[in-house]
């Protein structure tokens, strides 16, 4: 139920994001989800990929600093209030969302939300108990 996310630290200059995508393309690794945050000096690219080990190796060979983080993918209805339902369940249990990002699957009725929690195992348990679908990694890596 937990996913491996890679965090790549990028200098905030033209072409660095392209260098990441080239390294992944050359390694035949598919990006399944991503989020990019930046400051004036650097950015953090967070990605879920089809093959975490292969991606990490390819990026390190190109000189990138790569970290691994455990995240959780949650499937919710792609409709008003879908995210609110998830956040309400978590809030009632005092679970903090450190960050999140989302994507909508093509031809589907659901969105997939990627969460980083302060208490991952408890968050998974609470979500499942509330009937909220937590996606296994194998399913997300192949979407």
Foldseek 3Di string as FASTA:
>chain_A
DKAKKKKWKAFPDPPGVVVLVVLCVVLVKAWLDWDWDDDNTIIIIITGILDVVSSVVSCVVVPIDMDIDIKWKWKFFPDPCGVVVLVVLCVVVPKDFPDKDKDCDPPDRIIIMITDIPDVVVSVVSCVVVVIDIDDSNVSNVD
